[in-house]
Amino acid sequence: MEIAESSLLEIWEIFSDYVPAGKRNDVAVKFLRVFTEQDIDVSDLDEVRGEDEHLDYALDELESNDDFDQDESKYDE
């Protein structure tokens, strides 16, 4: 599944206006996580970096969690 950068930004802009300012970072993480759970790599979502501060925060969070998951899986071997 692929989603165009413009579509992702348009969806985010539509509903982020209805999210209280103090919750936008958390909601942005959940929003992008929907895509990563559909096997879209975080690096593919990085195309929207710089377009919205809340999406930038979410990308940073998802990337740091991805790094943690990869580090943790090394110890499972």
PDB file of N, CA and C in Angstrom:
ATOM      1  N   MET A   1       0.847  -1.183   0.000  1.00  0.00           N
ATOM      2  CA  MET A   1       0.000   0.000   0.000  1.00  0.00           C
ATOM      3  C   MET A   1       0.887   1.240   0.000  1.00  0.00           C
ATOM      4  N   GLU A   2       0.584   2.140  -0.859  1.00  0.00           N
ATOM      5  CA  GLU A   2       1.302   3.403  -0.903  1.00  0.00           C
ATOM      6  C   GLU A   2       0.314   4.539  -0.719  1.00  0.00           C
ATOM      7  N   ILE A   3       0.804   5.612  -0.136  1.00  0.00           N
ATOM      8  CA  ILE A   3      -0.023   6.805  -0.005  1.00  0.00           C
ATOM      9  C   ILE A   3       0.828   7.990  -0.427  1.00  0.00           C
ATOM     10  N   ALA A   4       0.242   8.836  -1.236  1.00  0.00           N
ATOM     11  CA  ALA A   4       0.968  10.002  -1.721  1.00  0.00           C
ATOM     12  C   ALA A   4       1.152  10.995  -0.579  1.00  0.00           C
ATOM     13  N   GLU A   5       2.274  11.666  -0.602  1.00  0.00           N
ATOM     14  CA  GLU A   5       2.579  12.670   0.413  1.00  0.00           C
ATOM     15  C   GLU A   5       1.459  13.698   0.518  1.00  0.00           C
ATOM     16  N   SER A   6       0.962  14.150  -0.627  1.00  0.00           N
ATOM     17  CA  SER A   6      -0.087  15.176  -0.618  1.00  0.00           C
ATOM     18  C   SER A   6      -1.372  14.653   0.029  1.00  0.00           C
ATOM     19  N   SER A   7      -1.683  13.385  -0.188  1.00  0.00           N
ATOM     20  CA  SER A   7      -2.890  12.810   0.423  1.00  0.00           C
ATOM     21  C   SER A   7      -2.747  12.701   1.927  1.00  0.00           C
ATOM     22  N   LEU A   8      -1.585  12.256   2.374  1.00  0.00           N
ATOM     23  CA  LEU A   8      -1.337  12.129   3.805  1.00  0.00           C
ATOM     24  C   LEU A   8      -1.450  13.487   4.482  1.00  0.00           C
ATOM     25  N   LEU A   9      -0.837  14.497   3.882  1.00  0.00           N
ATOM     26  CA  LEU A   9      -0.903  15.842   4.452  1.00  0.00           C
ATOM     27  C   LEU A   9      -2.325  16.391   4.438  1.00  0.00           C
ATOM     28  N   GLU A  10      -3.052  16.137   3.379  1.00  0.00           N
ATOM     29  CA  GLU A  10      -4.429  16.630   3.287  1.00  0.00           C
ATOM     30  C   GLU A  10      -5.311  16.002   4.361  1.00  0.00           C
ATOM     31  N   ILE A  11      -5.171  14.711   4.553  1.00  0.00           N
ATOM     32  CA  ILE A  11      -5.949  14.028   5.599  1.00  0.00           C
ATOM     33  C   ILE A  11      -5.600  14.605   6.962  1.00  0.00           C
ATOM     34  N   TRP A  12      -4.296  14.751   7.222  1.00  0.00           N
ATOM     35  CA  TRP A  12      -3.860  15.284   8.514  1.00  0.00           C
ATOM     36  C   TRP A  12      -4.407  16.697   8.737  1.00  0.00           C
ATOM     37  N   GLU A  13      -4.330  17.550   7.738  1.00  0.00           N
ATOM     38  CA  GLU A  13      -4.795  18.926   7.877  1.00  0.00           C
ATOM     39  C   GLU A  13      -6.287  18.998   8.141  1.00  0.00           C
ATOM     40  N   ILE A  14      -7.046  18.098   7.530  1.00  0.00           N
ATOM     41  CA  ILE A  14      -8.495  18.109   7.716  1.00  0.00           C
ATOM     42  C   ILE A  14      -8.866  17.841   9.167  1.00  0.00           C
ATOM     43  N   PHE A  15      -8.311  16.772   9.735  1.00  0.00           N
ATOM     44  CA  PHE A  15      -8.781  16.443  11.076  1.00  0.00           C
ATOM     45  C   PHE A  15      -7.935  17.020  12.202  1.00  0.00           C
ATOM     46  N   SER A  16      -6.697  17.453  11.933  1.00  0.00           N
ATOM     47  CA  SER A  16      -5.880  17.999  13.023  1.00  0.00           C
ATOM     48  C   SER A  16      -6.447  19.301  13.570  1.00  0.00           C
ATOM     49  N   ASP A  17      -7.195  20.016  12.751  1.00  0.00           N
ATOM     50  CA  ASP A  17      -7.833  21.247  13.231  1.00  0.00           C
ATOM     51  C   ASP A  17      -8.840  20.970  14.345  1.00  0.00           C
ATOM     52  N   TYR A  18      -9.340  19.756  14.411  1.00  0.00           N
ATOM     53  CA  TYR A  18     -10.334  19.392  15.418  1.00  0.00           C
ATOM     54  C   TYR A  18      -9.713  18.767  16.663  1.00  0.00           C
ATOM     55  N   VAL A  19      -8.397  18.615  16.645  1.00  0.00           N
ATOM     56  CA  VAL A  19      -7.689  18.028  17.779  1.00  0.00           C
ATOM     57  C   VAL A  19      -7.138  19.169  18.631  1.00  0.00           C
ATOM     58  N   PRO A  20      -7.380  19.120  19.947  1.00  0.00           N
ATOM     59  CA  PRO A  20      -6.825  20.173  20.809  1.00  0.00           C
ATOM     60  C   PRO A  20      -5.308  20.262  20.648  1.00  0.00           C
ATOM     61  N   ALA A  21      -4.789  21.470  20.674  1.00  0.00           N
ATOM     62  CA  ALA A  21      -3.363  21.708  20.423  1.00  0.00           C
ATOM     63  C   ALA A  21      -2.464  20.837  21.301  1.00  0.00           C
ATOM     64  N   GLY A  22      -2.818  20.647  22.532  1.00  0.00           N
ATOM     65  CA  GLY A  22      -2.000  19.871  23.452  1.00  0.00           C
ATOM     66  C   GLY A  22      -1.979  18.379  23.163  1.00  0.00           C
ATOM     67  N   LYS A  23      -2.854  17.908  22.310  1.00  0.00           N
ATOM     68  CA  LYS A  23      -2.945  16.479  21.980  1.00  0.00           C
ATOM     69  C   LYS A  23      -2.433  16.153  20.576  1.00  0.00           C
ATOM     70  N   ARG A  24      -2.089  17.172  19.816  1.00  0.00           N
ATOM     71  CA  ARG A  24      -1.744  16.946  18.405  1.00  0.00           C
ATOM     72  C   ARG A  24      -0.516  16.061  18.210  1.00  0.00           C
ATOM     73  N   ASN A  25       0.493  16.187  19.062  1.00  0.00           N
ATOM     74  CA  ASN A  25       1.661  15.318  18.906  1.00  0.00           C
ATOM     75  C   ASN A  25       1.276  13.856  19.093  1.00  0.00           C
ATOM     76  N   ASP A  26       0.511  13.574  20.131  1.00  0.00           N
ATOM     77  CA  ASP A  26       0.093  12.187  20.395  1.00  0.00           C
ATOM     78  C   ASP A  26      -0.774  11.645  19.264  1.00  0.00           C
ATOM     79  N   VAL A  27      -1.688  12.475  18.782  1.00  0.00           N
ATOM     80  CA  VAL A  27      -2.576  12.044  17.699  1.00  0.00           C
ATOM     81  C   VAL A  27      -1.776  11.852  16.412  1.00  0.00           C
ATOM     82  N   ALA A  28      -0.785  12.693  16.181  1.00  0.00           N
ATOM     83  CA  ALA A  28       0.053  12.553  14.985  1.00  0.00           C
ATOM     84  C   ALA A  28       0.804  11.221  15.010  1.00  0.00           C
ATOM     85  N   VAL A  29       1.286  10.825  16.183  1.00  0.00           N
ATOM     86  CA  VAL A  29       1.965   9.528  16.301  1.00  0.00           C
ATOM     87  C   VAL A  29       0.992   8.400  15.963  1.00  0.00           C
ATOM     88  N   LYS A  30      -0.200   8.464  16.513  1.00  0.00           N
ATOM     89  CA  LYS A  30      -1.205   7.425  16.240  1.00  0.00           C
ATOM     90  C   LYS A  30      -1.611   7.424  14.764  1.00  0.00           C
ATOM     91  N   PHE A  31      -1.718   8.608  14.193  1.00  0.00           N
ATOM     92  CA  PHE A  31      -2.085   8.742  12.779  1.00  0.00           C
ATOM     93  C   PHE A  31      -1.051   8.050  11.886  1.00  0.00           C
ATOM     94  N   LEU A  32       0.227   8.354  12.104  1.00  0.00           N
ATOM     95  CA  LEU A  32       1.261   7.744  11.275  1.00  0.00           C
ATOM     96  C   LEU A  32       1.433   6.256  11.581  1.00  0.00           C
ATOM     97  N   ARG A  33       1.166   5.865  12.822  1.00  0.00           N
ATOM     98  CA  ARG A  33       1.278   4.452  13.182  1.00  0.00           C
ATOM     99  C   ARG A  33       0.270   3.602  12.393  1.00  0.00           C
ATOM    100  N   VAL A  34      -0.870   4.176  12.049  1.00  0.00           N
ATOM    101  CA  VAL A  34      -1.848   3.460  11.220  1.00  0.00           C
ATOM    102  C   VAL A  34      -1.185   2.997   9.925  1.00  0.00           C
ATOM    103  N   PHE A  35      -0.363   3.857   9.352  1.00  0.00           N
ATOM    104  CA  PHE A  35       0.302   3.515   8.099  1.00  0.00           C
ATOM    105  C   PHE A  35       1.414   2.493   8.309  1.00  0.00           C
ATOM    106  N   THR A  36       2.182   2.653   9.385  1.00  0.00           N
ATOM    107  CA  THR A  36       3.268   1.701   9.622  1.00  0.00           C
ATOM    108  C   THR A  36       2.718   0.316   9.943  1.00  0.00           C
ATOM    109  N   GLU A  37       1.546   0.254  10.523  1.00  0.00           N
ATOM    110  CA  GLU A  37       0.921  -1.043  10.810  1.00  0.00           C
ATOM    111  C   GLU A  37       0.394  -1.705   9.536  1.00  0.00           C
ATOM    112  N   GLN A  38       0.323  -0.932   8.457  1.00  0.00           N
ATOM    113  CA  GLN A  38      -0.078  -1.466   7.153  1.00  0.00           C
ATOM    114  C   GLN A  38       1.156  -1.727   6.292  1.00  0.00           C
ATOM    115  N   ASP A  39       2.278  -1.948   6.947  1.00  0.00           N
ATOM    116  CA  ASP A  39       3.551  -2.285   6.303  1.00  0.00           C
ATOM    117  C   ASP A  39       4.141  -1.171   5.445  1.00  0.00           C
ATOM    118  N   ILE A  40       3.826   0.062   5.783  1.00  0.00           N
ATOM    119  CA  ILE A  40       4.507   1.197   5.155  1.00  0.00           C
ATOM    120  C   ILE A  40       5.660   1.564   6.071  1.00  0.00           C
ATOM    121  N   ASP A  41       6.852   1.588   5.520  1.00  0.00           N
ATOM    122  CA  ASP A  41       8.046   1.862   6.303  1.00  0.00           C
ATOM    123  C   ASP A  41       8.069   3.327   6.743  1.00  0.00           C
ATOM    124  N   VAL A  42       8.570   3.561   7.946  1.00  0.00           N
ATOM    125  CA  VAL A  42       8.663   4.925   8.467  1.00  0.00           C
ATOM    126  C   VAL A  42       9.472   5.805   7.514  1.00  0.00           C
ATOM    127  N   SER A  43      10.490   5.250   6.910  1.00  0.00           N
ATOM    128  CA  SER A  43      11.318   6.042   5.989  1.00  0.00           C
ATOM    129  C   SER A  43      10.515   6.526   4.780  1.00  0.00           C
ATOM    130  N   ASP A  44       9.484   5.764   4.390  1.00  0.00           N
ATOM    131  CA  ASP A  44       8.623   6.206   3.295  1.00  0.00           C
ATOM    132  C   ASP A  44       7.754   7.392   3.712  1.00  0.00           C
ATOM    133  N   LEU A  45       7.404   7.440   4.979  1.00  0.00           N
ATOM    134  CA  LEU A  45       6.585   8.543   5.482  1.00  0.00           C
ATOM    135  C   LEU A  45       7.411   9.811   5.689  1.00  0.00           C
ATOM    136  N   ASP A  46       8.724   9.653   5.692  1.00  0.00           N
ATOM    137  CA  ASP A  46       9.621  10.777   5.932  1.00  0.00           C
ATOM    138  C   ASP A  46       9.496  11.875   4.879  1.00  0.00           C
ATOM    139  N   GLU A  47       8.808  11.585   3.778  1.00  0.00           N
ATOM    140  CA  GLU A  47       8.603  12.585   2.727  1.00  0.00           C
ATOM    141  C   GLU A  47       7.824  13.798   3.230  1.00  0.00           C
ATOM    142  N   VAL A  48       7.062  13.641   4.305  1.00  0.00           N
ATOM    143  CA  VAL A  48       6.275  14.762   4.819  1.00  0.00           C
ATOM    144  C   VAL A  48       7.045  15.595   5.844  1.00  0.00           C
ATOM    145  N   ARG A  49       8.276  15.176   6.158  1.00  0.00           N
ATOM    146  CA  ARG A  49       9.069  15.914   7.143  1.00  0.00           C
ATOM    147  C   ARG A  49       9.232  17.361   6.688  1.00  0.00           C
ATOM    148  N   GLY A  50       9.044  18.259   7.636  1.00  0.00           N
ATOM    149  CA  GLY A  50       9.179  19.684   7.350  1.00  0.00           C
ATOM    150  C   GLY A  50       7.875  20.358   6.956  1.00  0.00           C
ATOM    151  N   GLU A  51       6.830  19.565   6.776  1.00  0.00           N
ATOM    152  CA  GLU A  51       5.538  20.129   6.372  1.00  0.00           C
ATOM    153  C   GLU A  51       4.649  20.494   7.572  1.00  0.00           C
ATOM    154  N   ASP A  52       4.870  19.794   8.699  1.00  0.00           N
ATOM    155  CA  ASP A  52       4.028  20.020   9.876  1.00  0.00           C
ATOM    156  C   ASP A  52       4.826  19.613  11.115  1.00  0.00           C
ATOM    157  N   GLU A  53       4.874  20.476  12.103  1.00  0.00           N
ATOM    158  CA  GLU A  53       5.683  20.197  13.295  1.00  0.00           C
ATOM    159  C   GLU A  53       5.200  18.962  14.062  1.00  0.00           C
ATOM    160  N   HIS A  54       3.913  18.701  14.038  1.00  0.00           N
ATOM    161  CA  HIS A  54       3.376  17.549  14.766  1.00  0.00           C
ATOM    162  C   HIS A  54       3.706  16.237  14.046  1.00  0.00           C
ATOM    163  N   LEU A  55       3.671  16.270  12.723  1.00  0.00           N
ATOM    164  CA  LEU A  55       4.075  15.090  11.966  1.00  0.00           C
ATOM    165  C   LEU A  55       5.575  14.857  12.102  1.00  0.00           C
ATOM    166  N   ASP A  56       6.354  15.928  12.181  1.00  0.00           N
ATOM    167  CA  ASP A  56       7.794  15.783  12.414  1.00  0.00           C
ATOM    168  C   ASP A  56       8.040  15.100  13.758  1.00  0.00           C
ATOM    169  N   TYR A  57       7.315  15.540  14.770  1.00  0.00           N
ATOM    170  CA  TYR A  57       7.434  14.917  16.096  1.00  0.00           C
ATOM    171  C   TYR A  57       7.087  13.433  16.003  1.00  0.00           C
ATOM    172  N   ALA A  58       5.998  13.122  15.325  1.00  0.00           N
ATOM    173  CA  ALA A  58       5.551  11.738  15.194  1.00  0.00           C
ATOM    174  C   ALA A  58       6.590  10.888  14.463  1.00  0.00           C
ATOM    175  N   LEU A  59       7.168  11.423  13.414  1.00  0.00           N
ATOM    176  CA  LEU A  59       8.203  10.691  12.685  1.00  0.00           C
ATOM    177  C   LEU A  59       9.396  10.407  13.579  1.00  0.00           C
ATOM    178  N   ASP A  60       9.802  11.392  14.359  1.00  0.00           N
ATOM    179  CA  ASP A  60      10.916  11.188  15.293  1.00  0.00           C
ATOM    180  C   ASP A  60      10.591  10.087  16.300  1.00  0.00           C
ATOM    181  N   GLU A  61       9.377  10.120  16.828  1.00  0.00           N
ATOM    182  CA  GLU A  61       8.954   9.098  17.793  1.00  0.00           C
ATOM    183  C   GLU A  61       8.937   7.709  17.163  1.00  0.00           C
ATOM    184  N   LEU A  62       8.366   7.603  15.985  1.00  0.00           N
ATOM    185  CA  LEU A  62       8.282   6.302  15.326  1.00  0.00           C
ATOM    186  C   LEU A  62       9.665   5.779  14.946  1.00  0.00           C
ATOM    187  N   GLU A  63      10.539   6.671  14.513  1.00  0.00           N
ATOM    188  CA  GLU A  63      11.896   6.255  14.168  1.00  0.00           C
ATOM    189  C   GLU A  63      12.660   5.798  15.399  1.00  0.00           C
ATOM    190  N   SER A  64      12.485   6.503  16.524  1.00  0.00           N
ATOM    191  CA  SER A  64      13.194   6.087  17.741  1.00  0.00           C
ATOM    192  C   SER A  64      12.639   4.760  18.257  1.00  0.00           C
ATOM    193  N   ASN A  65      11.334   4.554  18.123  1.00  0.00           N
ATOM    194  CA  ASN A  65      10.747   3.269  18.528  1.00  0.00           C
ATOM    195  C   ASN A  65      11.213   2.159  17.602  1.00  0.00           C
ATOM    196  N   ASP A  66      11.342   2.455  16.322  1.00  0.00           N
ATOM    197  CA  ASP A  66      11.806   1.471  15.356  1.00  0.00           C
ATOM    198  C   ASP A  66      13.247   1.073  15.673  1.00  0.00           C
ATOM    199  N   ASP A  67      14.078   2.059  16.016  1.00  0.00           N
ATOM    200  CA  ASP A  67      15.459   1.769  16.397  1.00  0.00           C
ATOM    201  C   ASP A  67      15.498   0.900  17.644  1.00  0.00           C
ATOM    202  N   PHE A  68      14.643   1.195  18.612  1.00  0.00           N
ATOM    203  CA  PHE A  68      14.580   0.410  19.839  1.00  0.00           C
ATOM    204  C   PHE A  68      14.152  -1.017  19.538  1.00  0.00           C
ATOM    205  N   ASP A  69      13.142  -1.177  18.692  1.00  0.00           N
ATOM    206  CA  ASP A  69      12.662  -2.510  18.328  1.00  0.00           C
ATOM    207  C   ASP A  69      13.757  -3.314  17.642  1.00  0.00           C
ATOM    208  N   GLN A  70      14.542  -2.665  16.775  1.00  0.00           N
ATOM    209  CA  GLN A  70      15.621  -3.365  16.083  1.00  0.00           C
ATOM    210  C   GLN A  70      16.712  -3.772  17.066  1.00  0.00           C
ATOM    211  N   ASP A  71      17.043  -2.878  18.014  1.00  0.00           N
ATOM    212  CA  ASP A  71      18.048  -3.206  19.016  1.00  0.00           C
ATOM    213  C   ASP A  71      17.581  -4.359  19.888  1.00  0.00           C
ATOM    214  N   GLU A  72      16.314  -4.330  20.255  1.00  0.00           N
ATOM    215  CA  GLU A  72      15.752  -5.374  21.119  1.00  0.00           C
ATOM    216  C   GLU A  72      15.757  -6.723  20.409  1.00  0.00           C
ATOM    217  N   SER A  73      15.475  -6.724  19.106  1.00  0.00           N
ATOM    218  CA  SER A  73      15.425  -7.989  18.369  1.00  0.00           C
ATOM    219  C   SER A  73      16.800  -8.638  18.257  1.00  0.00           C
ATOM    220  N   LYS A  74      17.888  -7.844  18.351  1.00  0.00           N
ATOM    221  CA  LYS A  74      19.217  -8.428  18.310  1.00  0.00           C
ATOM    222  C   LYS A  74      19.440  -9.347  19.506  1.00  0.00           C
ATOM    223  N   TYR A  75      18.808  -9.008  20.642  1.00  0.00           N
ATOM    224  CA  TYR A  75      18.998  -9.795  21.857  1.00  0.00           C
ATOM    225  C   TYR A  75      18.109 -11.019  21.896  1.00  0.00           C
ATOM    226  N   ASP A  76      17.106 -11.059  21.023  1.00  0.00           N
ATOM    227  CA  ASP A  76      16.209 -12.205  20.960  1.00  0.00           C
ATOM    228  C   ASP A  76      16.826 -13.377  20.207  1.00  0.00           C
ATOM    229  N   GLU A  77      17.892 -13.115  19.472  1.00  0.00           N
ATOM    230  CA  GLU A  77      18.486 -14.153  18.622  1.00  0.00           C
ATOM    231  C   GLU A  77      19.257 -15.178  19.403  1.00  0.00           C
TER     232      GLU A  77
END
